[in-house]
């Protein structure tokens, strides 16, 4: 469902996932990049959970208090934002499509994943690992080697990953501007 510039991917009683593009009106023009990011996230958070308080762990991972949602994940990049609220641990990553991602595969692609060659595959792998990392509040020692993409199921918009000998299912959405992955 689209509301103003917001796209509601999941809009249920126990889970909300919203994607939106930055407000470029005059009210944020004088703010720094970090202040605009905080403004955008807090604005939407308070529209969904008016009493919700956003805090951060020492690791930098966001947490939410004073809300019916007990878990939060936030992603922002180049003017795109994603906010994921739930009663269970969640992770989300939004990644604008870019040709330059292939230059950094040494940073996130392990040997098992070398079968995935397309730019789109690389975006999905990067975003899947980021979303999963966020769900675990950064408690993964070596993201590149410890988390492995097993399958990208295009017809179902699902990604299967392996971590500590367990399989996890993530979901994704693609449009002309970005890749969005959540778990």
C-alpha atoms as a PDB file:
ATOM      1  CA  UNK A   1       0.000   0.000   0.000  1.00  0.00           C
ATOM      2  CA  UNK A   2       1.325   3.466  -0.903  1.00  0.00           C
ATOM      3  CA  UNK A   3       0.636   6.424   1.347  1.00  0.00           C
ATOM      4  CA  UNK A   4       2.207   9.759   0.330  1.00  0.00           C
ATOM      5  CA  UNK A   5       5.812   8.802  -0.424  1.00  0.00           C
ATOM      6  CA  UNK A   6       5.682   5.747   1.858  1.00  0.00           C
ATOM      7  CA  UNK A   7       5.293   2.166   0.661  1.00  0.00           C
ATOM      8  CA  UNK A   8       3.920  -0.225   3.273  1.00  0.00           C
ATOM      9  CA  UNK A   9       5.468  -3.617   2.508  1.00  0.00           C
ATOM     10  CA  UNK A  10       4.074  -5.296   5.641  1.00  0.00           C
ATOM     11  CA  UNK A  11       1.278  -3.635   7.547  1.00  0.00           C
ATOM     12  CA  UNK A  12      -0.102  -5.984  10.164  1.00  0.00           C
ATOM     13  CA  UNK A  13      -0.886  -5.798  13.859  1.00  0.00           C
ATOM     14  CA  UNK A  14       2.428  -7.289  15.023  1.00  0.00           C
ATOM     15  CA  UNK A  15       4.715  -6.143  12.214  1.00  0.00           C
ATOM     16  CA  UNK A  16       5.255  -2.994  10.134  1.00  0.00           C
ATOM     17  CA  UNK A  17       7.745  -2.595   7.305  1.00  0.00           C
ATOM     18  CA  UNK A  18       7.754   0.757   5.543  1.00  0.00           C
ATOM     19  CA  UNK A  19       9.984   2.083   2.756  1.00  0.00           C
ATOM     20  CA  UNK A  20      10.144   5.735   1.781  1.00  0.00           C
ATOM     21  CA  UNK A  21      12.223   8.327   0.015  1.00  0.00           C
ATOM     22  CA  UNK A  22      13.672  11.291   1.864  1.00  0.00           C
ATOM     23  CA  UNK A  23      11.585  14.408   2.279  1.00  0.00           C
ATOM     24  CA  UNK A  24      13.396  17.028   0.213  1.00  0.00           C
ATOM     25  CA  UNK A  25      11.216  19.944   1.283  1.00  0.00           C
ATOM     26  CA  UNK A  26      12.625  23.085   2.836  1.00  0.00           C
ATOM     27  CA  UNK A  27      12.043  21.874   6.404  1.00  0.00           C
ATOM     28  CA  UNK A  28      15.131  19.623   6.245  1.00  0.00           C
ATOM     29  CA  UNK A  29      17.285  21.671   3.845  1.00  0.00           C
ATOM     30  CA  UNK A  30      19.495  23.191   6.564  1.00  0.00           C
ATOM     31  CA  UNK A  31      20.038  19.950   8.456  1.00  0.00           C
ATOM     32  CA  UNK A  32      23.214  17.868   8.187  1.00  0.00           C
ATOM     33  CA  UNK A  33      22.991  14.437   6.555  1.00  0.00           C
ATOM     34  CA  UNK A  34      22.901  12.717   9.962  1.00  0.00           C
ATOM     35  CA  UNK A  35      20.241  15.123  11.269  1.00  0.00           C
ATOM     36  CA  UNK A  36      18.085  14.525   8.157  1.00  0.00           C
ATOM     37  CA  UNK A  37      18.406  10.758   8.634  1.00  0.00           C
ATOM     38  CA  UNK A  38      17.374  11.033  12.293  1.00  0.00           C
ATOM     39  CA  UNK A  39      14.503  13.368  11.380  1.00  0.00           C
ATOM     40  CA  UNK A  40      13.188  10.975   8.728  1.00  0.00           C
ATOM     41  CA  UNK A  41      13.329   7.887  10.947  1.00  0.00           C
ATOM     42  CA  UNK A  42      11.898   9.537  14.072  1.00  0.00           C
ATOM     43  CA  UNK A  43       9.117  11.159  12.072  1.00  0.00           C
ATOM     44  CA  UNK A  44       7.916   7.846  10.704  1.00  0.00           C
ATOM     45  CA  UNK A  45       8.516   5.969  13.957  1.00  0.00           C
ATOM     46  CA  UNK A  46       6.313   8.405  15.853  1.00  0.00           C
ATOM     47  CA  UNK A  47       3.563   8.161  13.228  1.00  0.00           C
ATOM     48  CA  UNK A  48       3.451   4.368  13.778  1.00  0.00           C
ATOM     49  CA  UNK A  49       4.264   4.224  17.495  1.00  0.00           C
ATOM     50  CA  UNK A  50       3.666   7.701  18.997  1.00  0.00           C
ATOM     51  CA  UNK A  51       5.178   6.868  22.397  1.00  0.00           C
ATOM     52  CA  UNK A  52       7.999   4.708  21.037  1.00  0.00           C
ATOM     53  CA  UNK A  53      11.502   5.716  22.066  1.00  0.00           C
ATOM     54  CA  UNK A  54      14.479   4.956  19.870  1.00  0.00           C
ATOM     55  CA  UNK A  55      17.700   4.069  21.678  1.00  0.00           C
ATOM     56  CA  UNK A  56      20.919   2.354  20.668  1.00  0.00           C
ATOM     57  CA  UNK A  57      22.994  -0.446  22.128  1.00  0.00           C
ATOM     58  CA  UNK A  58      26.749   0.011  22.591  1.00  0.00           C
ATOM     59  CA  UNK A  59      27.180  -1.773  19.256  1.00  0.00           C
ATOM     60  CA  UNK A  60      25.075   0.940  17.603  1.00  0.00           C
ATOM     61  CA  UNK A  61      22.131  -1.387  16.973  1.00  0.00           C
ATOM     62  CA  UNK A  62      18.800   0.395  17.428  1.00  0.00           C
ATOM     63  CA  UNK A  63      16.304  -0.705  20.062  1.00  0.00           C
ATOM     64  CA  UNK A  64      12.790   0.503  20.715  1.00  0.00           C
ATOM     65  CA  UNK A  65      11.159   1.006  24.092  1.00  0.00           C
ATOM     66  CA  UNK A  66       7.728   2.164  25.225  1.00  0.00           C
ATOM     67  CA  UNK A  67       6.041   0.572  22.210  1.00  0.00           C
ATOM     68  CA  UNK A  68       3.871  -2.445  21.400  1.00  0.00           C
ATOM     69  CA  UNK A  69       6.745  -3.421  19.088  1.00  0.00           C
ATOM     70  CA  UNK A  70       9.742  -4.846  20.908  1.00  0.00           C
ATOM     71  CA  UNK A  71      12.157  -4.967  17.952  1.00  0.00           C
ATOM     72  CA  UNK A  72      13.274  -2.460  15.342  1.00  0.00           C
ATOM     73  CA  UNK A  73      15.579  -2.411  12.336  1.00  0.00           C
ATOM     74  CA  UNK A  74      16.473   0.648  10.282  1.00  0.00           C
ATOM     75  CA  UNK A  75      18.200   1.041   6.953  1.00  0.00           C
ATOM     76  CA  UNK A  76      18.976   4.145   4.935  1.00  0.00           C
ATOM     77  CA  UNK A  77      21.126   4.831   1.929  1.00  0.00           C
ATOM     78  CA  UNK A  78      21.207   7.641  -0.623  1.00  0.00           C
ATOM     79  CA  UNK A  79      17.847   9.106   0.353  1.00  0.00           C
ATOM     80  CA  UNK A  80      15.979   5.789   0.677  1.00  0.00           C
ATOM     81  CA  UNK A  81      14.807   4.520   4.069  1.00  0.00           C
ATOM     82  CA  UNK A  82      13.338   1.337   5.504  1.00  0.00           C
ATOM     83  CA  UNK A  83      11.871   0.951   8.987  1.00  0.00           C
ATOM     84  CA  UNK A  84      10.925  -2.510  10.291  1.00  0.00           C
ATOM     85  CA  UNK A  85       9.041  -2.911  13.590  1.00  0.00           C
ATOM     86  CA  UNK A  86       7.975  -6.248  15.068  1.00  0.00           C
ATOM     87  CA  UNK A  87       7.362  -8.244  18.210  1.00  0.00           C
ATOM     88  CA  UNK A  88      10.163 -10.621  17.088  1.00  0.00           C
ATOM     89  CA  UNK A  89      13.798  -9.882  16.150  1.00  0.00           C
ATOM     90  CA  UNK A  90      13.997  -8.379  12.648  1.00  0.00           C
ATOM     91  CA  UNK A  91      16.521  -7.049  10.166  1.00  0.00           C
ATOM     92  CA  UNK A  92      16.135  -4.926   7.047  1.00  0.00           C
ATOM     93  CA  UNK A  93      18.495  -3.534   4.425  1.00  0.00           C
ATOM     94  CA  UNK A  94      17.791  -1.215   1.521  1.00  0.00           C
ATOM     95  CA  UNK A  95      20.398  -0.865  -1.191  1.00  0.00           C
ATOM     96  CA  UNK A  96      20.013   1.453  -4.176  1.00  0.00           C
ATOM     97  CA  UNK A  97      21.038  -0.289  -7.373  1.00  0.00           C
ATOM     98  CA  UNK A  98      24.609   0.552  -8.367  1.00  0.00           C
ATOM     99  CA  UNK A  99      27.150  -0.876 -10.782  1.00  0.00           C
ATOM    100  CA  UNK A 100      29.981  -0.195  -8.334  1.00  0.00           C
ATOM    101  CA  UNK A 101      28.957  -2.959  -5.894  1.00  0.00           C
ATOM    102  CA  UNK A 102      30.815  -5.572  -7.960  1.00  0.00           C
ATOM    103  CA  UNK A 103      34.114  -3.784  -7.151  1.00  0.00           C
ATOM    104  CA  UNK A 104      33.715  -4.685  -3.462  1.00  0.00           C
ATOM    105  CA  UNK A 105      32.796  -8.380  -3.666  1.00  0.00           C
ATOM    106  CA  UNK A 106      36.029  -9.313  -1.862  1.00  0.00           C
ATOM    107  CA  UNK A 107      34.466  -7.687   1.212  1.00  0.00           C
ATOM    108  CA  UNK A 108      31.308  -9.821   1.406  1.00  0.00           C
ATOM    109  CA  UNK A 109      31.304 -12.722  -1.097  1.00  0.00           C
ATOM    110  CA  UNK A 110      32.724 -16.042   0.102  1.00  0.00           C
ATOM    111  CA  UNK A 111      33.925 -18.952  -2.083  1.00  0.00           C
ATOM    112  CA  UNK A 112      30.604 -20.814  -1.930  1.00  0.00           C
ATOM    113  CA  UNK A 113      28.782 -17.734  -3.211  1.00  0.00           C
ATOM    114  CA  UNK A 114      30.986 -17.217  -6.268  1.00  0.00           C
ATOM    115  CA  UNK A 115      28.325 -19.037  -8.319  1.00  0.00           C
ATOM    116  CA  UNK A 116      26.184 -15.894  -8.066  1.00  0.00           C
ATOM    117  CA  UNK A 117      27.497 -13.596 -10.781  1.00  0.00           C
ATOM    118  CA  UNK A 118      24.935 -10.958 -11.759  1.00  0.00           C
ATOM    119  CA  UNK A 119      24.816  -7.431 -10.362  1.00  0.00           C
ATOM    120  CA  UNK A 120      21.361  -8.196  -8.996  1.00  0.00           C
ATOM    121  CA  UNK A 121      22.659 -11.334  -7.227  1.00  0.00           C
ATOM    122  CA  UNK A 122      25.436  -9.278  -5.633  1.00  0.00           C
ATOM    123  CA  UNK A 123      22.949  -6.668  -4.389  1.00  0.00           C
ATOM    124  CA  UNK A 124      20.726  -9.387  -2.930  1.00  0.00           C
ATOM    125  CA  UNK A 125      23.664 -11.128  -1.234  1.00  0.00           C
ATOM    126  CA  UNK A 126      24.984  -7.901   0.287  1.00  0.00           C
ATOM    127  CA  UNK A 127      21.537  -6.839   1.493  1.00  0.00           C
ATOM    128  CA  UNK A 128      20.677 -10.299   2.826  1.00  0.00           C
ATOM    129  CA  UNK A 129      23.854 -10.438   4.879  1.00  0.00           C
ATOM    130  CA  UNK A 130      23.299  -6.901   6.171  1.00  0.00           C
ATOM    131  CA  UNK A 131      19.659  -7.594   7.140  1.00  0.00           C
ATOM    132  CA  UNK A 132      20.618 -10.831   8.905  1.00  0.00           C
ATOM    133  CA  UNK A 133      23.496  -9.092  10.706  1.00  0.00           C
ATOM    134  CA  UNK A 134      21.077  -6.437  11.936  1.00  0.00           C
ATOM    135  CA  UNK A 135      18.589  -9.056  13.139  1.00  0.00           C
ATOM    136  CA  UNK A 136      21.363 -10.482  15.346  1.00  0.00           C
ATOM    137  CA  UNK A 137      22.421  -6.970  16.502  1.00  0.00           C
ATOM    138  CA  UNK A 138      25.838  -7.404  14.906  1.00  0.00           C
ATOM    139  CA  UNK A 139      26.700 -10.521  16.873  1.00  0.00           C
ATOM    140  CA  UNK A 140      28.392 -12.285  13.954  1.00  0.00           C
ATOM    141  CA  UNK A 141      32.150 -12.577  14.113  1.00  0.00           C
ATOM    142  CA  UNK A 142      32.883 -12.857  10.372  1.00  0.00           C
ATOM    143  CA  UNK A 143      29.890 -11.938   8.210  1.00  0.00           C
ATOM    144  CA  UNK A 144      31.614 -12.834   4.942  1.00  0.00           C
ATOM    145  CA  UNK A 145      32.552 -16.379   5.969  1.00  0.00           C
ATOM    146  CA  UNK A 146      30.011 -17.248   8.687  1.00  0.00           C
ATOM    147  CA  UNK A 147      26.871 -16.386   6.694  1.00  0.00           C
ATOM    148  CA  UNK A 148      26.442 -18.116   3.330  1.00  0.00           C
ATOM    149  CA  UNK A 149      23.753 -17.572   0.725  1.00  0.00           C
ATOM    150  CA  UNK A 150      22.495 -20.999  -0.302  1.00  0.00           C
ATOM    151  CA  UNK A 151      19.745 -20.027  -2.736  1.00  0.00           C
ATOM    152  CA  UNK A 152      18.089 -17.024  -4.316  1.00  0.00           C
ATOM    153  CA  UNK A 153      14.576 -18.134  -5.229  1.00  0.00           C
ATOM    154  CA  UNK A 154      13.436 -15.567  -7.773  1.00  0.00           C
ATOM    155  CA  UNK A 155       9.862 -16.823  -8.306  1.00  0.00           C
ATOM    156  CA  UNK A 156       9.179 -16.721  -4.541  1.00  0.00           C
ATOM    157  CA  UNK A 157      11.297 -13.634  -3.736  1.00  0.00           C
ATOM    158  CA  UNK A 158      13.125 -15.581  -1.042  1.00  0.00           C
ATOM    159  CA  UNK A 159      16.759 -15.997  -0.061  1.00  0.00           C
ATOM    160  CA  UNK A 160      17.983 -18.984   1.950  1.00  0.00           C
ATOM    161  CA  UNK A 161      21.061 -18.452   4.070  1.00  0.00           C
ATOM    162  CA  UNK A 162      23.091 -20.757   6.274  1.00  0.00           C
ATOM    163  CA  UNK A 163      24.471 -19.626   9.611  1.00  0.00           C
ATOM    164  CA  UNK A 164      25.903 -21.942  12.273  1.00  0.00           C
ATOM    165  CA  UNK A 165      24.554 -24.995  10.438  1.00  0.00           C
ATOM    166  CA  UNK A 166      20.978 -23.655  10.396  1.00  0.00           C
ATOM    167  CA  UNK A 167      19.029 -22.365   7.444  1.00  0.00           C
ATOM    168  CA  UNK A 168      17.133 -19.076   7.566  1.00  0.00           C
ATOM    169  CA  UNK A 169      14.636 -17.666   5.094  1.00  0.00           C
ATOM    170  CA  UNK A 170      14.750 -14.001   4.098  1.00  0.00           C
ATOM    171  CA  UNK A 171      12.461 -12.103   1.754  1.00  0.00           C
ATOM    172  CA  UNK A 172      13.183  -9.476  -0.822  1.00  0.00           C
ATOM    173  CA  UNK A 173      11.684  -6.947  -3.172  1.00  0.00           C
ATOM    174  CA  UNK A 174      13.260  -5.304  -6.199  1.00  0.00           C
ATOM    175  CA  UNK A 175      12.230  -2.179  -8.044  1.00  0.00           C
ATOM    176  CA  UNK A 176      13.970   0.160 -10.457  1.00  0.00           C
ATOM    177  CA  UNK A 177      15.572   2.160  -7.623  1.00  0.00           C
ATOM    178  CA  UNK A 178      16.572  -0.318  -4.918  1.00  0.00           C
ATOM    179  CA  UNK A 179      16.788  -3.824  -3.505  1.00  0.00           C
ATOM    180  CA  UNK A 180      15.065  -4.420  -0.161  1.00  0.00           C
ATOM    181  CA  UNK A 181      15.757  -7.510   1.965  1.00  0.00           C
ATOM    182  CA  UNK A 182      14.173  -8.356   5.309  1.00  0.00           C
ATOM    183  CA  UNK A 183      14.083 -11.149   7.862  1.00  0.00           C
END
